Amino acid sequence: MQGKIVKGISGFYYVHVGEPGIYECKAKGAFRNQKIKPLVGDDVEIAIVDEETKKELLEIKDDEKEIEDRFYKELEFGKAGLRGVIGAGTNRMNKYTVGKATQGLANYIIEQGTQDKGVAISYDSRKMSKEFSMQTALILNANGIKTYLFENLRPVPELSFAVRELKCTAGVMITASHNPPKYNGYKVYWDDGAQIVAPRDKDIIAKVRAVAEYSEIKEISREEATEKGLFNIVGTEMDDKYINTLKALILNPEIVKEQGKSLKVVYTPLHGTGNTVAERLLKEIGIQNLYVVPEQKDPDGNFPTVDYPNPEDKKAFKLALELAKKVDADVVLATDPDADRLGIYAKDSKTGEYMTYTGNMSALLIAEYRISQMQEKGILPDNGMMITTVVSSNLTRAIAKNYGLECIEVLTGFKNIGAIMKKEEEKTNGKKYVFGFEESYGCLIGDYARDKDGIAAVMALCEAACYYKSKGETLWDQMNNIYKKYGYYEETQVSIVLEGAEGAEKIQEMMTDMRNTPVEKIGDYKVLMFEDIDRDYVKDMVTGEERTTGLPKSNVLYYELEDNNWCCVRPSGTEPKIKLYMGVKGASKEESNKKLEDLKNAMVKLVKKD
């Protein structure tokens, strides 16, 4: 189909076809698959788009800033897939970008010769999730690859479990996790149930980028795919297997049944996938007083009661806390839309207030409970390991040391925890996985899956609450017991949001400035060690000694400070923001809170150059 180049914005070129309207943006400086540099007025061959997309693009034809944001680049298939705003444009989540990603994945699977093993597919409650999941299945089917599509939305951890249970070659989860409602995404898993890691991620990315035209995307009808045995539906039998696997991980089932008669729990899935299995699981283990927030119980991609469906955001707990006060709940729990993250509040019986937990706090509360009980029961492995990320709490090291476990730190992203699990599992005498978590509100209590599991975390928190209740203590009492035992570790993070093309450029500038500017002191603390993980470089700021990090390359800067304090900077891999992490240790909660606030302010000032 012929179109005419009409104008360029910031070096990008657009075309009209027939009636006025922008239908497609081509790459900066030159048109894709052509050796010529285009000029305004030239004729050019372009792809035909559907009527719905055409209508959406016509609505923005006079908004140059919106056009640039939608078309200034192709939505990048990153280290684990896609994530972006839903809509028309090369820099958006839509059937064209999902189609190219799936065709590239299909080409990679065929190259590996594993198409007969199949691909498991699930999706969350977001807009277009169901449509994208069906499209993904049928494109894979059109390439001769068997698929197992969940009959309805299911959580990320169940998808990870299903990949392993069905012995699939890969898995796809349509989700944008905890992002705002306008986002959706596409996560790719491999046969171990973990999100793809190097070098496989780079190989798949290359295959996706090699899909130059939408016409390369293969098609098949559901009817034909079903007749050929390629399209398969996964029903509630997978729920049964997943739930039974989690129930088998309970360490004190009798205590849960007894204390579950009086423990009061409020739970919200924040309009997501969590309640497809969470309510059933908790009732089956013996939690009799479970209150699911009615306004947030049903899946809804508009997330009508929250601006940001993220259990890290205190505002997301508004309705849950109102219900908790009404029923006098002991524990308040929330999972994000794909149910891999868990946020909690626990009642302080002394003040009657509901106290919030960070991701570090809730995960390490679960860890201390489970590891102490495993030791008490004589089932803690001698060669056990705890795995966490470089931006998570240093309290992890203290707990691991106390129980004789090796503490292994990896880069951010639970897939890196999964990679260590796989590596050790493949060894003859590899270390035994005991617990893993990252500060972003996600943990995994067993080796049945390879991604963080908010459903299992809900169960584990309720079990811990029952156990400490049997001792006359609350979860908040136990959190304070942990601090008294190990020290008052406190952590926080700050996100500086910078959207669009200008924002992406600013984030890059910030990272470059930090990387190239020697920092000897942050706030009141001397820098003892500086790590530039992208450059595989470590410098001891005291001795001047230099060495390598031993970690895969990643755009992360880490500063080890005196007095057991630290901070870290990295751009988000999935959102338009630069993230600052920091942690301190104090002799009391008051001291650690003050140290943390001072360090946070100093770090923000340093990054923003205020």
Foldseek 3Di string as FASTA:
>chain_A
DKWFWADADPQKIFTQDDPDFTDAIAAGQPGPPDPDGDDGGDMDDDDDDDPVQRVQRRVCRPPVQVQCQQEVDAQAQDLFGGKAFDGDGRNHDDLLLLLLLLLLVLVVCVVVVQQALAEEEAEKLAPCGVVSRVSSLFLSLLSVHAYEYEPHHAFLQLQQLVLQVSQHQKYKYWALWFFFLRMIIIGIGGSLSFGHHPPVSVSSSVSSVVCRDSVSRGGDDPVVSVVVVRYHYDYCVSLVVVLVVLLVLQLCLVLLQVLLVPAAEEEAALLARQVVRQVVSSVVSHNPHYHYQVVRHHHHSNSVCDRTQALQDPSNCVSSVVVCVVVVHQKYWYAGRSQLFIWIWGADPVVRDTHTDFLLLLQVLLVLVQLVSCVVVVNRDQAAAEEEEPQHWPLVVVSCVVSNYHYHYAHDDLSRVLVLVVVQVPDPRRHAYQWYDYRSRFIDGHSSGRGTGNSSSVVSQSSSQSVVVVVVDGSVRVSVVSCVVRFQKDKDKDKDAADGPVLVVLLVVLLVCVVPDDDQDQQPWGFQKKDQQQVQWIAGPVPRDIDGDPHHHFRKIKTQTPQRKIKIWHQDPHHSIIMIMIMHTDRDNVVRVVVRVRRVVRVVCSSVVD
